[in-house]
Amino acid sequence: MRTVGLSLGLALALLCLLHVEAEDLGAGELDTSKIAGKWYITAMASDSESYLQRKDQLKMAMAGIEVLGKDLKVSFAIPTPERCMKFESIYKPTSIPGEYYSSDRGNKTAQLVDTDGRTYVIIFATREKEGKILHMLRLYSRTRWVRPRITDLFKTFAKMEGFSDEMIWILPRQDECRLDGP
């Protein structure tokens, strides 16, 4: 019982920390220079049935974020069993600080949830598909190796957002599919 109490206390402290950091992000203008550059998508949480059915086949993807004035150009390199899928989307800011919208490849929003400004970013994304709103949380890292504390932070945040353990997974590393490669 004491362990449950300690775990609950830790989760509540983490929730407060995330809430304060999220308020800080919303309090002023987002410094997009901190999220520009190359990232590895190292963990995901999703309620999409298609992702959940294929989650054992998914591997670490790459993303490149380029700041274009107030817009963000996001390039992806996503490994699939068949090929290395590459595409780009332009995200425009919404009226919510830290949130961006794109109509490329379906209506999507992406909101910066948490970052240390250097090594990781957690992004909450929604996508409209076949009349349903799908939700996804992604952990972006500057390197393929993520500190366990950051992975734990991601998992805790995902659970607080309603994702179950089955909906959360850490993506295995891969070298075949890169932004700068074939």
Protein backbone atom coordinates (compact mmCIF):
# COMPACT_ATOMS: atom_id res chain seq x y z
CA MET A 1 0.00 0.00 0.00
CA ARG A 2 2.86 2.34 0.78
CA THR A 3 4.35 1.72 -2.71
CA VAL A 4 1.02 2.64 -4.30
CA GLY A 5 0.95 5.83 -2.23
CA LEU A 6 4.49 6.73 -3.27
CA SER A 7 3.74 5.97 -6.93
CA LEU A 8 0.56 8.05 -6.78
CA GLY A 9 2.47 10.88 -5.12
CA LEU A 10 5.17 10.73 -7.78
CA ALA A 11 2.54 10.73 -10.54
CA LEU A 12 0.80 13.74 -9.00
CA ALA A 13 4.10 15.62 -8.67
CA LEU A 14 4.89 14.80 -12.29
CA LEU A 15 1.43 15.95 -13.35
CA CYS A 16 1.98 19.27 -11.56
CA LEU A 17 5.40 19.66 -13.20
CA LEU A 18 3.97 18.93 -16.65
CA HIS A 19 1.06 21.30 -16.04
CA VAL A 20 3.42 24.10 -14.99
CA GLU A 21 5.69 23.47 -18.01
CA ALA A 22 2.67 23.40 -20.33
CA GLU A 23 1.46 26.69 -18.83
CA ASP A 24 4.94 28.17 -19.38
CA LEU A 25 4.78 27.10 -23.03
CA GLY A 26 1.38 28.72 -23.42
CA ALA A 27 2.25 31.85 -21.47
CA GLY A 28 4.41 33.36 -24.19
CA GLU A 29 5.46 32.90 -27.74
CA LEU A 30 6.94 29.48 -28.52
CA ASP A 31 10.64 29.69 -29.37
CA THR A 32 10.53 27.55 -32.50
CA SER A 33 14.32 27.67 -32.85
CA LYS A 34 14.45 25.16 -29.96
CA ILE A 35 12.49 22.57 -31.94
CA ALA A 36 14.10 23.18 -35.35
CA GLY A 37 16.44 20.50 -36.69
CA LYS A 38 16.70 16.72 -36.87
CA TRP A 39 14.76 14.48 -34.47
CA TYR A 40 14.22 10.77 -33.91
CA ILE A 41 10.71 9.60 -33.06
CA THR A 42 11.59 7.15 -30.29
CA ALA A 43 8.26 6.37 -28.62
CA MET A 44 4.57 6.59 -29.43
CA ALA A 45 1.15 6.21 -27.86
CA SER A 46 -1.89 5.92 -30.11
CA ASP A 47 -5.55 4.99 -30.11
CA SER A 48 -5.50 4.24 -33.86
CA GLU A 49 -6.50 0.64 -34.59
CA SER A 50 -4.22 0.50 -37.65
CA TYR A 51 -1.20 1.57 -35.58
CA LEU A 52 -2.09 -0.82 -32.78
CA GLN A 53 -2.41 -3.74 -35.23
CA ARG A 54 1.03 -2.96 -36.74
CA LYS A 55 2.86 -1.73 -33.65
CA ASP A 56 5.22 -4.73 -33.56
CA GLN A 57 6.39 -3.83 -37.09
CA LEU A 58 7.02 -0.14 -36.38
CA LYS A 59 10.54 1.19 -35.94
CA MET A 60 12.09 4.49 -34.96
CA ALA A 61 11.35 7.20 -37.54
CA MET A 62 13.06 10.51 -38.26
CA ALA A 63 11.64 14.00 -38.50
CA GLY A 64 13.18 17.27 -39.59
CA ILE A 65 11.60 20.54 -38.48
CA GLU A 66 12.34 23.73 -40.40
CA VAL A 67 10.97 27.10 -39.30
CA LEU A 68 9.41 29.10 -42.15
CA GLY A 69 8.41 32.39 -40.56
CA LYS A 70 5.56 31.36 -38.24
CA ASP A 71 4.96 28.06 -40.09
CA LEU A 72 6.76 24.77 -39.60
CA LYS A 73 7.87 22.49 -42.44
CA VAL A 74 8.07 18.96 -41.08
CA SER A 75 9.82 16.23 -43.10
CA PHE A 76 9.39 12.59 -42.13
CA ALA A 77 11.29 9.38 -42.95
CA ILE A 78 9.22 6.44 -41.73
CA PRO A 79 10.37 2.85 -42.17
CA THR A 80 7.72 0.38 -43.29
CA PRO A 81 8.16 -3.32 -44.09
CA GLU A 82 7.96 -2.44 -47.80
CA ARG A 83 10.05 0.74 -48.05
CA CYS A 84 11.29 3.98 -46.51
CA MET A 85 8.33 6.34 -46.75
CA LYS A 86 9.22 10.04 -46.96
CA PHE A 87 6.92 13.03 -47.00
CA GLU A 88 6.64 16.65 -45.89
CA SER A 89 3.85 18.71 -44.38
CA ILE A 90 3.48 22.41 -43.68
CA TYR A 91 2.00 23.20 -40.26
CA LYS A 92 0.47 26.62 -39.59
CA PRO A 93 -0.02 28.06 -36.10
CA THR A 94 -3.53 28.02 -34.63
CA SER A 95 -4.90 30.44 -32.04
CA ILE A 96 -3.67 28.08 -29.29
CA PRO A 97 -0.01 28.75 -28.32
CA GLY A 98 2.24 25.82 -29.32
CA GLU A 99 -0.43 24.22 -31.57
CA TYR A 100 -0.11 23.84 -35.33
CA TYR A 101 -2.51 22.66 -38.05
CA SER A 102 -1.95 20.93 -41.38
CA SER A 103 -4.40 19.82 -44.03
CA ASP A 104 -1.69 17.83 -45.89
CA ARG A 105 -2.55 14.11 -45.88
CA GLY A 106 -5.71 14.70 -43.79
CA ASN A 107 -6.65 17.28 -41.19
CA LYS A 108 -4.05 17.17 -38.40
CA THR A 109 -3.08 19.18 -35.38
CA ALA A 110 0.17 18.93 -33.45
CA GLN A 111 0.70 20.55 -30.06
CA LEU A 112 3.96 20.86 -28.18
CA VAL A 113 3.30 19.37 -24.76
CA ASP A 114 6.71 19.34 -23.12
CA THR A 115 10.37 19.96 -23.96
CA ASP A 116 13.62 20.71 -22.24
CA GLY A 117 14.55 22.86 -25.22
CA ARG A 118 17.58 20.71 -26.08
CA THR A 119 17.21 16.94 -26.03
CA TYR A 120 13.53 15.95 -26.25
CA VAL A 121 10.07 17.14 -27.29
CA ILE A 122 6.71 15.51 -26.54
CA ILE A 123 4.04 16.28 -29.13
CA PHE A 124 0.32 15.47 -28.95
CA ALA A 125 -1.23 15.04 -32.39
CA THR A 126 -4.75 14.50 -33.64
CA ARG A 127 -5.84 13.39 -37.07
CA GLU A 128 -9.23 13.10 -38.65
CA LYS A 129 -9.67 9.84 -40.55
CA GLU A 130 -12.90 8.35 -41.85
CA GLY A 131 -14.95 10.61 -39.60
CA LYS A 132 -13.01 9.67 -36.44
CA ILE A 133 -10.54 11.76 -34.46
CA LEU A 134 -7.39 9.73 -33.75
CA HIS A 135 -4.95 10.71 -31.00
CA MET A 136 -1.20 10.17 -30.84
CA LEU A 137 1.53 11.19 -28.44
CA ARG A 138 5.12 11.10 -29.75
CA LEU A 139 8.48 11.38 -28.04
CA TYR A 140 11.06 13.14 -30.22
CA SER A 141 14.74 12.91 -29.26
CA ARG A 142 17.86 14.52 -30.71
CA THR A 143 19.58 11.12 -30.52
CA ARG A 144 18.51 7.50 -30.92
CA TRP A 145 19.23 6.92 -27.24
CA VAL A 146 16.83 8.41 -24.73
CA ARG A 147 17.51 8.70 -21.02
CA PRO A 148 15.27 6.37 -18.98
CA ARG A 149 13.94 9.36 -17.02
CA ILE A 150 12.60 10.91 -20.25
CA THR A 151 11.06 7.62 -21.39
CA ASP A 152 9.38 7.27 -17.98
CA LEU A 153 8.14 10.87 -18.24
CA PHE A 154 6.65 10.08 -21.65
CA LYS A 155 4.93 6.91 -20.40
CA THR A 156 3.52 8.69 -17.35
CA PHE A 157 2.22 11.55 -19.45
CA ALA A 158 0.67 9.10 -21.96
CA LYS A 159 -1.17 7.30 -19.16
CA MET A 160 -2.43 10.62 -17.79
CA GLU A 161 -3.79 11.35 -21.28
CA GLY A 162 -5.76 8.09 -21.18
CA PHE A 163 -3.48 5.78 -23.18
CA SER A 164 -3.25 2.24 -21.77
CA ASP A 165 -0.02 0.21 -21.56
CA GLU A 166 -1.05 -1.61 -24.77
CA MET A 167 -1.27 1.74 -26.59
CA ILE A 168 2.25 2.86 -25.58
CA TRP A 169 5.41 1.53 -27.15
CA ILE A 170 9.09 2.32 -27.45
CA LEU A 171 10.26 2.10 -31.05
CA PRO A 172 13.31 -0.05 -31.85
CA ARG A 173 16.30 1.69 -33.46
CA GLN A 174 16.95 1.37 -37.17
CA ASP A 175 19.50 2.77 -39.65
CA GLU A 176 17.89 1.92 -43.00
CA CYS A 177 15.43 4.83 -43.29
CA ARG A 178 16.90 8.31 -42.84
CA LEU A 179 15.98 11.83 -43.92
CA ASP A 180 19.31 12.26 -45.69
CA GLY A 181 19.45 8.79 -47.26
CA PRO A 182 17.78 6.99 -50.16
